[in-house]
Amino acid sequence: MFGRSVRRILIASAFGLALIAARQRAVLHPAPPQITNGPTFSNEVVRVFQNRCQSCHHPGDIAPFSLMTYADAAAHADAIKYMTQTRQMPPWKPTPACGDFADARVLGQDEIDLLAKWADNGAPEGNVADLPPAKNFDGGWALGQPDLVLSYAEPYTPPLTGDVYRCFPMPTNLPADSYVSAIDIKPGDRQTVHHVIAYIDTNGDSQKLDEADPGPGYTSFGGPGFSLNSLSSTLGGWAPGARPAVLPDDVAMSLPANSRIVLQVHYHPHGVAVVPDQTQIGIYFAKKKPNKIVYMLPLINQNFTIPPNNPNYLVSASYNVALPVHLYLVFPHMHLLGRKMHVTATPFGGNEQCLINIDDWDFNWQGQYKFSQPIAVTAGTRLSLDAYYDNSTDNWRNPNNPPKPVSWGEQTTDEMCISFFGFTIDSLFATDQPPSATQIFRAVQ
């Protein structure tokens, strides 16, 4: 009941209420004739949608309706005005004073005013000759058709109750080592898939686990059930609300020849009949061999218990960076009790730098955030996070009534405290063997 379905219902309900109010106003005050000397869909409005909205508002994705065409948008003009003026849309959780992120879904006041004026003028279409080239979302993919799409051979139907972590090994059949600039994950059953992590298996261990477990895939809580060989054993993941991020041309993730991608899918039944799932991963290959490899590693605290009736409980984590690195991505993650997360970098003897700050955490709108420019992190820098949790009855997302102690765990009703980082190592190039995670990030004593 706390999964993607709630988010879609809330979004649709908000848009629906706005649309009902707009229709009531239209009955009492008929719309004036369209004014075409102001903003039109074909000229100004569609460009705002392309830049800020269409990555979600296209057929087959997260949003309740499309904004790809004039007919799509005009039917919701008043609701668009309301949701943008109240800044409920587009959803963007990082606070503006912390971090500089690429592809930020934030409307400027001039864009909000433009959409309002368009709606007030009767939502004119304008001259179709003014339309820019349409964005390509082939197959419903936010970045267009991937270079490689993988999924499990047979659909998997999770049980009716209880959270399940199911791993699905999928051979890439790549004849040579390849490099990945972006991944996108498309859940088959959007209401039940809680999150997905994509691991890389170069030894075939995952296939043996699959063969020993009846049905598609195999069950494995925690990690994927086999040893991860290096820092480059993870391609990233997906959580509700996350959008794919494209790495710069000179960096990429590594995908070895003949490897398997293992999707670990967390299923969380939502109180109604489940349907067969066949989640897909889309791979976008780098256009050229990169200079650097991007590795993924979490900053994590697994040793905490949030007491009941505490509305602002702090959980922290930190480690020291042993080697100079550059940060490209940051991906905070909590569950239903999470309310705020603050991630910082403090150089040895220097001033704290804010990397990302989310002061209104929403499990249904998570993100993998790419810095506009990579962040240089010197050796000795401390990476830290402070996460705050509301385990009181005032938190309407709280799954327990009355509240009870909540600790780290794999279930949706448990909690987590993580910030993933995507980073390169300054001293290494694409062909170099990376050191172990403990050689790069050392626990703070």
Protein backbone atom coordinates (compact mmCIF):
# COMPACT_ATOMS: atom_id res chain seq x y z
CA MET A 1 0.00 0.00 0.00
CA PHE A 2 3.04 2.28 0.30
CA GLY A 3 4.45 1.68 -3.19
CA ARG A 4 4.27 3.40 -6.52
CA SER A 5 0.47 3.02 -6.67
CA VAL A 6 0.02 5.50 -3.79
CA ARG A 7 2.19 8.05 -5.57
CA ARG A 8 0.26 7.70 -8.81
CA ILE A 9 -3.04 7.99 -6.91
CA LEU A 10 -1.86 11.13 -5.09
CA ILE A 11 -0.62 12.77 -8.27
CA ALA A 12 -3.75 11.86 -10.17
CA SER A 13 -5.95 13.03 -7.28
CA ALA A 14 -4.21 16.40 -7.07
CA PHE A 15 -4.50 16.93 -10.81
CA GLY A 16 -8.08 15.69 -10.67
CA LEU A 17 -9.09 18.12 -7.93
CA ALA A 18 -7.49 20.97 -9.82
CA LEU A 19 -9.31 19.94 -12.99
CA ILE A 20 -12.68 19.73 -11.19
CA ALA A 21 -12.17 23.21 -9.74
CA ALA A 22 -11.25 24.51 -13.17
CA ARG A 23 -14.40 23.03 -14.71
CA GLN A 24 -16.55 24.57 -11.98
CA ARG A 25 -15.02 27.98 -12.71
CA ALA A 26 -15.66 27.42 -16.40
CA VAL A 27 -19.38 26.87 -15.75
CA LEU A 28 -19.67 30.10 -13.76
CA HIS A 29 -17.27 32.07 -15.93
CA PRO A 30 -17.07 30.83 -19.52
CA ALA A 31 -13.57 30.92 -20.96
CA PRO A 32 -12.76 33.96 -23.09
CA PRO A 33 -11.82 33.50 -26.70
CA GLN A 34 -8.27 32.26 -27.20
CA ILE A 35 -5.69 35.04 -27.27
CA THR A 36 -2.95 34.21 -29.70
CA ASN A 37 -0.62 37.16 -29.09
CA GLY A 38 0.58 35.56 -25.86
CA PRO A 39 2.36 32.25 -25.27
CA THR A 40 1.16 29.32 -27.36
CA PHE A 41 1.71 25.60 -27.02
CA SER A 42 3.56 25.31 -30.33
CA ASN A 43 6.01 28.11 -29.60
CA GLU A 44 6.80 28.65 -25.91
CA VAL A 45 4.84 26.12 -23.82
CA VAL A 46 6.00 22.89 -25.44
CA ARG A 47 9.62 23.94 -24.90
CA VAL A 48 8.98 24.21 -21.15
CA PHE A 49 7.40 20.76 -21.21
CA GLN A 50 10.35 19.32 -23.13
CA ASN A 51 12.90 20.76 -20.72
CA ARG A 52 11.11 20.10 -17.43
CA CYS A 53 8.20 17.70 -17.79
CA GLN A 54 8.22 15.21 -20.65
CA SER A 55 10.84 12.90 -19.13
CA CYS A 56 8.01 11.73 -16.85
CA HIS A 57 4.97 12.89 -18.85
CA HIS A 58 5.18 10.57 -21.83
CA PRO A 59 3.23 7.37 -22.58
CA GLY A 60 4.25 4.39 -20.47
CA ASP A 61 6.07 6.29 -17.74
CA ILE A 62 5.37 7.48 -14.23
CA ALA A 63 3.08 10.47 -14.83
CA PRO A 64 -0.73 10.12 -14.96
CA PHE A 65 -0.97 11.72 -18.42
CA SER A 66 1.24 12.71 -21.34
CA LEU A 67 2.39 16.22 -22.26
CA MET A 68 3.76 15.28 -25.66
CA THR A 69 1.07 16.86 -27.85
CA TYR A 70 -1.23 19.86 -27.80
CA ALA A 71 -4.28 17.64 -27.27
CA ASP A 72 -2.53 16.03 -24.29
CA ALA A 73 -1.69 19.34 -22.65
CA ALA A 74 -4.76 21.48 -23.44
CA ALA A 75 -7.07 19.10 -21.59
CA HIS A 76 -5.09 19.74 -18.38
CA ALA A 77 -4.19 23.42 -18.78
CA ASP A 78 -5.85 24.63 -15.58
CA ALA A 79 -4.51 21.73 -13.55
CA ILE A 80 -1.02 22.45 -14.91
CA LYS A 81 -1.36 26.09 -13.84
CA TYR A 82 -2.42 25.07 -10.33
CA MET A 83 0.22 22.37 -9.80
CA THR A 84 3.08 24.55 -11.05
CA GLN A 85 2.01 27.69 -9.16
CA THR A 86 1.86 25.66 -5.93
CA ARG A 87 5.22 24.10 -6.89
CA GLN A 88 3.92 20.57 -6.51
CA MET A 89 5.10 19.92 -10.05
CA PRO A 90 7.61 19.15 -11.31
CA PRO A 91 8.79 17.12 -8.30
CA TRP A 92 12.37 17.98 -7.34
CA LYS A 93 13.56 17.26 -3.81
CA PRO A 94 17.07 18.78 -3.45
CA THR A 95 17.00 22.21 -1.86
CA PRO A 96 18.26 24.99 -4.16
CA ALA A 97 20.99 26.27 -1.81
CA CYS A 98 22.90 22.96 -1.77
CA GLY A 99 24.47 21.21 -4.76
CA ASP A 100 24.49 22.12 -8.44
CA PHE A 101 22.75 19.37 -10.40
CA ALA A 102 22.36 18.72 -14.10
CA ASP A 103 18.86 18.29 -15.55
CA ALA A 104 17.19 19.83 -12.49
CA ARG A 105 13.41 19.66 -12.85
CA VAL A 106 12.84 23.12 -11.41
CA LEU A 107 10.64 25.75 -13.03
CA GLY A 108 11.74 29.35 -12.89
CA GLN A 109 9.15 31.94 -11.95
CA ASP A 110 9.12 33.15 -15.55
CA GLU A 111 8.19 29.62 -16.71
CA ILE A 112 5.47 29.31 -14.05
CA ASP A 113 4.03 32.67 -15.13
CA LEU A 114 4.19 31.66 -18.78
CA LEU A 115 2.17 28.47 -18.15
CA ALA A 116 -0.37 30.43 -16.11
CA LYS A 117 -0.79 33.04 -18.84
CA TRP A 118 -1.19 30.28 -21.44
CA ALA A 119 -3.93 28.64 -19.37
CA ASP A 120 -5.68 31.97 -18.64
CA ASN A 121 -5.70 32.83 -22.36
CA GLY A 122 -7.58 29.65 -23.19
CA ALA A 123 -4.55 27.41 -23.85
CA PRO A 124 -4.01 28.42 -27.51
CA GLU A 125 -2.25 25.96 -29.80
CA GLY A 126 -0.53 28.52 -32.01
CA ASN A 127 1.15 27.84 -35.32
CA VAL A 128 2.26 24.19 -35.66
CA ALA A 129 5.15 25.43 -37.82
CA ASP A 130 6.68 26.80 -34.59
CA LEU A 131 6.91 23.36 -33.01
CA PRO A 132 10.46 22.20 -32.14
CA PRO A 133 11.55 18.64 -33.02
CA ALA A 134 9.73 16.20 -30.76
CA LYS A 135 11.68 14.41 -28.05
CA ASN A 136 12.13 10.70 -28.62
CA PHE A 137 10.84 8.31 -25.98
CA ASP A 138 10.80 5.16 -28.11
CA GLY A 139 9.23 2.28 -26.24
CA GLY A 140 8.51 4.49 -23.25
CA TRP A 141 12.23 4.84 -22.40
CA ALA A 142 13.12 8.27 -20.98
CA LEU A 143 16.37 8.41 -23.01
CA GLY A 144 14.95 6.83 -26.15
CA GLN A 145 15.50 3.25 -27.30
CA PRO A 146 18.48 1.68 -25.45
CA ASP A 147 21.36 0.01 -27.26
CA LEU A 148 20.68 -3.20 -25.32
CA VAL A 149 17.54 -4.29 -23.47
CA LEU A 150 17.65 -7.25 -21.08
CA SER A 151 14.98 -8.96 -19.03
CA TYR A 152 14.38 -12.34 -17.44
CA ALA A 153 13.27 -15.05 -19.82
CA GLU A 154 10.05 -15.82 -17.92
CA PRO A 155 7.78 -13.52 -15.94
CA TYR A 156 7.95 -13.87 -12.17
CA THR A 157 4.88 -13.63 -9.95
CA PRO A 158 5.74 -12.68 -6.36
CA PRO A 159 3.69 -14.08 -3.45
CA LEU A 160 0.63 -12.21 -2.23
CA THR A 161 2.21 -11.25 1.11
CA GLY A 162 5.67 -10.50 2.40
CA ASP A 163 8.57 -8.62 0.82
CA VAL A 164 10.70 -10.64 -1.61
CA TYR A 165 14.19 -9.96 -2.97
CA ARG A 166 14.51 -11.90 -6.21
CA CYS A 167 17.64 -11.95 -8.38
CA PHE A 168 17.50 -12.54 -12.13
CA PRO A 169 20.75 -13.31 -14.01
CA MET A 170 20.71 -12.22 -17.64
CA PRO A 171 23.61 -12.96 -20.03
CA THR A 172 24.82 -9.92 -21.96
CA ASN A 173 26.54 -12.05 -24.67
CA LEU A 174 28.95 -9.18 -25.24
CA PRO A 175 31.98 -10.37 -27.27
CA ALA A 176 34.26 -7.66 -25.86
CA ASP A 177 34.54 -5.39 -22.84
CA SER A 178 32.07 -2.53 -23.14
CA TYR A 179 31.42 0.81 -21.47
CA VAL A 180 28.10 2.17 -20.27
CA SER A 181 27.12 5.83 -20.16
CA ALA A 182 23.63 5.31 -18.72
CA ILE A 183 21.15 2.68 -17.61
CA ASP A 184 17.40 2.87 -17.28
CA ILE A 185 15.19 0.37 -15.49
CA LYS A 186 11.57 -0.17 -16.42
CA PRO A 187 9.56 -2.14 -13.84
CA GLY A 188 7.07 -4.59 -15.27
CA ASP A 189 4.65 -4.27 -12.36
CA ARG A 190 5.08 -0.67 -11.26
CA GLN A 191 2.79 -1.11 -8.25
CA THR A 192 4.80 -3.93 -6.67
CA VAL A 193 8.43 -3.25 -7.57
CA HIS A 194 9.94 -1.38 -4.59
CA HIS A 195 13.47 -0.92 -5.95
CA VAL A 196 16.02 -2.57 -8.25
CA ILE A 197 19.83 -2.90 -8.08
CA ALA A 198 21.83 -4.03 -11.12
CA TYR A 199 24.89 -6.15 -10.27
CA ILE A 200 27.56 -7.57 -12.61
CA ASP A 201 28.57 -11.24 -12.45
CA THR A 202 31.73 -12.16 -14.37
CA ASN A 203 32.10 -15.74 -13.08
CA GLY A 204 28.68 -17.30 -13.68
CA ASP A 205 27.97 -17.72 -9.95
CA SER A 206 24.52 -16.18 -10.30
CA GLN A 207 23.53 -18.73 -12.93
CA LYS A 208 24.34 -21.58 -10.53
CA LEU A 209 22.16 -19.97 -7.88
CA ASP A 210 19.35 -19.58 -10.41
CA GLU A 211 19.54 -23.23 -11.43
CA ALA A 212 19.33 -24.33 -7.79
CA ASP A 213 16.17 -22.31 -7.10
CA PRO A 214 12.84 -23.31 -8.74
CA GLY A 215 11.14 -20.72 -10.90
CA PRO A 216 12.60 -17.65 -12.59
CA GLY A 217 15.58 -16.25 -10.68
CA TYR A 218 16.55 -16.96 -7.08
CA THR A 219 15.81 -15.39 -3.70
CA SER A 220 18.60 -13.44 -2.02
CA PHE A 221 18.19 -10.80 0.68
CA GLY A 222 20.97 -8.28 1.25
CA GLY A 223 23.38 -8.62 -1.66
CA PRO A 224 23.05 -10.73 -4.83
CA GLY A 225 24.17 -13.95 -3.14
CA PHE A 226 27.66 -14.14 -4.70
CA SER A 227 30.95 -12.37 -4.06
CA LEU A 228 31.34 -9.02 -5.78
CA ASN A 229 34.75 -8.95 -7.41
CA SER A 230 35.49 -5.24 -7.42
CA LEU A 231 34.19 -1.69 -7.16
CA SER A 232 32.89 -2.11 -10.72
CA SER A 233 30.46 -4.88 -9.77
CA THR A 234 27.43 -2.56 -9.65
CA LEU A 235 25.82 -0.68 -12.53
CA GLY A 236 23.44 1.34 -10.37
CA GLY A 237 19.78 0.96 -9.61
CA TRP A 238 16.29 2.35 -9.59
CA ALA A 239 13.83 3.52 -6.95
CA PRO A 240 10.43 5.20 -7.31
CA GLY A 241 10.77 8.57 -8.98
CA ALA A 242 14.35 8.03 -10.18
CA ARG A 243 15.29 9.30 -13.64
CA PRO A 244 18.26 7.99 -15.67
CA ALA A 245 21.44 10.09 -15.68
CA VAL A 246 23.83 10.20 -18.64
CA LEU A 247 27.54 10.33 -17.75
CA PRO A 248 29.89 12.76 -19.54
CA ASP A 249 31.69 11.50 -22.66
CA ASP A 250 35.05 10.92 -20.96
CA VAL A 251 33.75 8.66 -18.16
CA ALA A 252 31.62 5.51 -18.13
CA MET A 253 30.83 2.35 -16.18
CA SER A 254 32.52 -0.90 -17.14
CA LEU A 255 30.65 -3.95 -18.45
CA PRO A 256 33.04 -6.89 -19.11
CA ALA A 257 32.69 -9.28 -22.02
CA ASN A 258 30.42 -12.32 -21.50
CA SER A 259 29.28 -11.01 -18.13
CA ARG A 260 25.81 -11.35 -16.67
CA ILE A 261 23.73 -8.49 -15.37
CA VAL A 262 21.87 -9.58 -12.25
CA LEU A 263 18.76 -7.55 -11.43
CA GLN A 264 17.93 -7.77 -7.77
CA VAL A 265 14.26 -6.79 -7.63
CA HIS A 266 12.61 -5.97 -4.32
CA TYR A 267 8.91 -6.80 -4.52
CA HIS A 268 6.56 -5.26 -1.99
CA PRO A 269 2.94 -6.52 -2.27
CA HIS A 270 0.51 -3.64 -2.02
CA GLY A 271 -2.69 -5.22 -0.75
CA VAL A 272 -4.26 -6.33 -4.05
CA ALA A 273 -3.66 -9.23 -6.39
CA VAL A 274 -0.14 -9.21 -7.81
CA VAL A 275 0.55 -9.66 -11.50
CA PRO A 276 3.48 -11.31 -13.31
CA ASP A 277 6.51 -9.03 -13.49
CA GLN A 278 9.22 -8.88 -16.14
CA THR A 279 11.30 -5.83 -15.26
CA GLN A 280 13.69 -4.62 -17.98
CA ILE A 281 17.04 -2.88 -17.92
CA GLY A 282 18.07 -0.64 -20.80
CA ILE A 283 21.79 -0.17 -21.48
CA TYR A 284 23.18 2.89 -23.28
CA PHE A 285 26.76 2.32 -24.40
CA ALA A 286 29.38 5.05 -24.36
CA LYS A 287 30.14 6.50 -27.79
CA LYS A 288 33.89 6.13 -27.22
CA LYS A 289 36.29 4.45 -24.81
CA PRO A 290 36.39 6.56 -21.64
CA ASN A 291 39.40 7.89 -19.82
CA LYS A 292 37.96 7.01 -16.42
CA ILE A 293 35.64 4.39 -14.94
CA VAL A 294 32.78 5.41 -12.66
CA TYR A 295 32.42 3.17 -9.61
CA MET A 296 29.46 2.95 -7.23
CA LEU A 297 29.79 2.75 -3.44
CA PRO A 298 27.41 3.47 -0.54
CA LEU A 299 27.92 5.59 2.56
CA ILE A 300 25.82 3.58 4.96
CA ASN A 301 24.73 3.10 8.58
CA GLN A 302 23.07 -0.23 9.42
CA ASN A 303 23.30 -0.02 13.22
CA PHE A 304 20.41 2.04 14.50
CA THR A 305 16.97 1.73 16.06
CA ILE A 306 14.47 4.57 15.71
CA PRO A 307 12.45 4.78 18.94
CA PRO A 308 8.66 5.10 18.77
CA ASN A 309 7.05 8.54 19.08
CA ASN A 310 10.26 10.36 18.14
CA PRO A 311 9.49 12.84 15.33
CA ASN A 312 13.09 13.87 14.57
CA TYR A 313 15.52 11.01 15.19
CA LEU A 314 19.06 11.49 13.83
CA VAL A 315 21.10 8.72 12.18
CA SER A 316 24.59 9.60 10.90
CA ALA A 317 27.32 7.95 8.85
CA SER A 318 30.75 9.01 7.64
CA TYR A 319 34.05 7.79 6.24
CA ASN A 320 37.35 9.29 5.16
CA VAL A 321 38.52 9.28 1.56
CA ALA A 322 42.02 7.80 1.29
CA LEU A 323 42.65 8.68 -2.36
CA PRO A 324 41.68 11.75 -4.42
CA VAL A 325 38.43 11.12 -6.29
CA HIS A 326 35.80 13.02 -8.28
CA LEU A 327 32.11 12.62 -7.44
CA TYR A 328 29.69 12.47 -10.36
CA LEU A 329 26.48 11.08 -8.83
CA VAL A 330 24.74 11.01 -5.46
CA PHE A 331 21.71 8.85 -4.64
CA PRO A 332 20.18 9.20 -1.12
CA HIS A 333 17.93 6.40 0.09
CA MET A 334 15.59 5.98 3.06
CA HIS A 335 12.19 4.37 3.55
CA LEU A 336 8.86 5.58 4.93
CA LEU A 337 10.00 7.19 8.18
CA GLY A 338 12.67 9.29 6.46
CA ARG A 339 12.11 13.05 6.47
CA LYS A 340 15.46 14.74 5.78
CA MET A 341 18.96 13.89 4.55
CA HIS A 342 22.01 16.13 4.45
CA VAL A 343 25.20 14.89 2.71
CA THR A 344 28.47 16.81 3.00
CA ALA A 345 32.19 16.68 2.17
CA THR A 346 34.67 18.23 4.61
CA PRO A 347 38.33 18.41 3.48
CA PHE A 348 40.96 17.80 6.17
CA GLY A 349 41.39 21.14 7.87
CA GLY A 350 38.89 22.78 5.50
CA ASN A 351 35.30 23.95 5.40
CA GLU A 352 32.27 21.71 4.98
CA GLN A 353 30.79 21.57 1.47
CA CYS A 354 27.13 20.69 1.03
CA LEU A 355 26.66 17.95 -1.61
CA ILE A 356 22.90 17.44 -1.38
CA ASN A 357 20.19 18.45 1.06
CA ILE A 358 16.66 17.04 1.04
CA ASP A 359 14.41 18.53 3.69
CA ASP A 360 11.13 16.99 2.53
CA TRP A 361 11.96 13.34 1.85
CA ASP A 362 9.34 11.38 -0.06
CA PHE A 363 9.92 7.68 -0.64
CA ASN A 364 7.91 7.92 -3.85
CA TRP A 365 10.17 10.61 -5.36
CA GLN A 366 13.75 9.41 -5.07
CA GLY A 367 16.50 10.28 -7.49
CA GLN A 368 19.95 9.62 -8.85
CA TYR A 369 21.34 13.15 -9.00
CA LYS A 370 24.21 14.06 -11.35
CA PHE A 371 26.37 17.04 -10.46
CA SER A 372 26.61 19.67 -13.18
CA GLN A 373 30.37 19.50 -12.72
CA PRO A 374 32.16 16.63 -10.95
CA ILE A 375 33.14 17.42 -7.37
CA ALA A 376 36.87 17.12 -6.60
CA VAL A 377 37.45 15.34 -3.29
CA THR A 378 40.96 15.39 -1.83
CA ALA A 379 42.56 12.63 0.23
CA GLY A 380 41.59 12.96 3.88
CA THR A 381 38.16 14.43 3.11
CA ARG A 382 35.35 13.19 5.31
CA LEU A 383 32.08 12.29 3.51
CA SER A 384 29.16 12.44 5.94
CA LEU A 385 25.40 12.13 6.03
CA ASP A 386 22.83 13.10 8.61
CA ALA A 387 19.41 11.51 8.17
CA TYR A 388 16.32 12.39 10.19
CA TYR A 389 13.34 10.11 10.76
CA ASP A 390 9.79 10.74 11.99
CA ASN A 391 8.50 7.71 13.91
CA SER A 392 5.46 9.48 15.32
CA THR A 393 1.75 9.36 14.57
CA ASP A 394 2.10 12.73 12.82
CA ASN A 395 3.93 10.97 9.96
CA TRP A 396 1.08 9.78 7.74
CA ARG A 397 3.49 7.43 5.95
CA ASN A 398 4.31 5.59 9.18
CA PRO A 399 3.37 1.92 8.55
CA ASN A 400 2.91 1.22 12.28
CA ASN A 401 0.02 2.44 14.40
CA PRO A 402 0.87 2.76 17.21
CA PRO A 403 4.52 3.46 16.34
CA LYS A 404 7.09 0.81 17.29
CA PRO A 405 10.91 0.63 17.28
CA VAL A 406 12.24 0.43 13.72
CA SER A 407 15.75 -0.72 12.74
CA TRP A 408 17.72 -1.36 9.56
CA GLY A 409 16.15 -4.08 7.47
CA GLU A 410 15.25 -5.30 4.01
CA GLN A 411 11.48 -4.94 4.36
CA THR A 412 9.66 -1.81 3.24
CA THR A 413 8.42 -1.33 6.81
CA ASP A 414 12.04 -1.45 8.07
CA GLU A 415 14.37 1.50 7.50
CA MET A 416 17.58 2.24 5.64
CA CYS A 417 20.18 5.00 5.80
CA ILE A 418 22.32 5.19 2.63
CA SER A 419 23.77 7.64 0.20
CA PHE A 420 25.30 6.04 -2.89
CA PHE A 421 28.10 7.81 -4.72
CA GLY A 422 29.22 7.45 -8.32
CA PHE A 423 32.89 8.45 -8.51
CA THR A 424 36.16 8.17 -10.43
CA ILE A 425 39.62 7.68 -8.92
CA ASP A 426 42.02 10.43 -9.97
CA SER A 427 45.08 8.16 -10.21
CA LEU A 428 43.40 5.43 -12.28
CA PHE A 429 42.51 5.22 -15.95
CA ALA A 430 39.99 2.99 -17.69
CA THR A 431 42.37 0.05 -18.13
CA ASP A 432 43.70 0.07 -14.54
CA GLN A 433 42.58 -2.38 -11.88
CA PRO A 434 40.76 -0.55 -9.07
CA PRO A 435 41.71 -1.00 -5.42
CA SER A 436 39.29 -2.44 -2.88
CA ALA A 437 36.60 -0.29 -1.34
CA THR A 438 38.39 -0.29 2.03
CA GLN A 439 41.52 1.10 0.38
CA ILE A 440 39.57 4.12 -0.86
CA PHE A 441 37.03 4.83 1.87
CA ARG A 442 38.04 4.27 5.47
CA ALA A 443 35.67 4.29 8.39
CA VAL A 444 35.91 7.30 10.65
CA GLN A 445 37.40 6.29 13.98
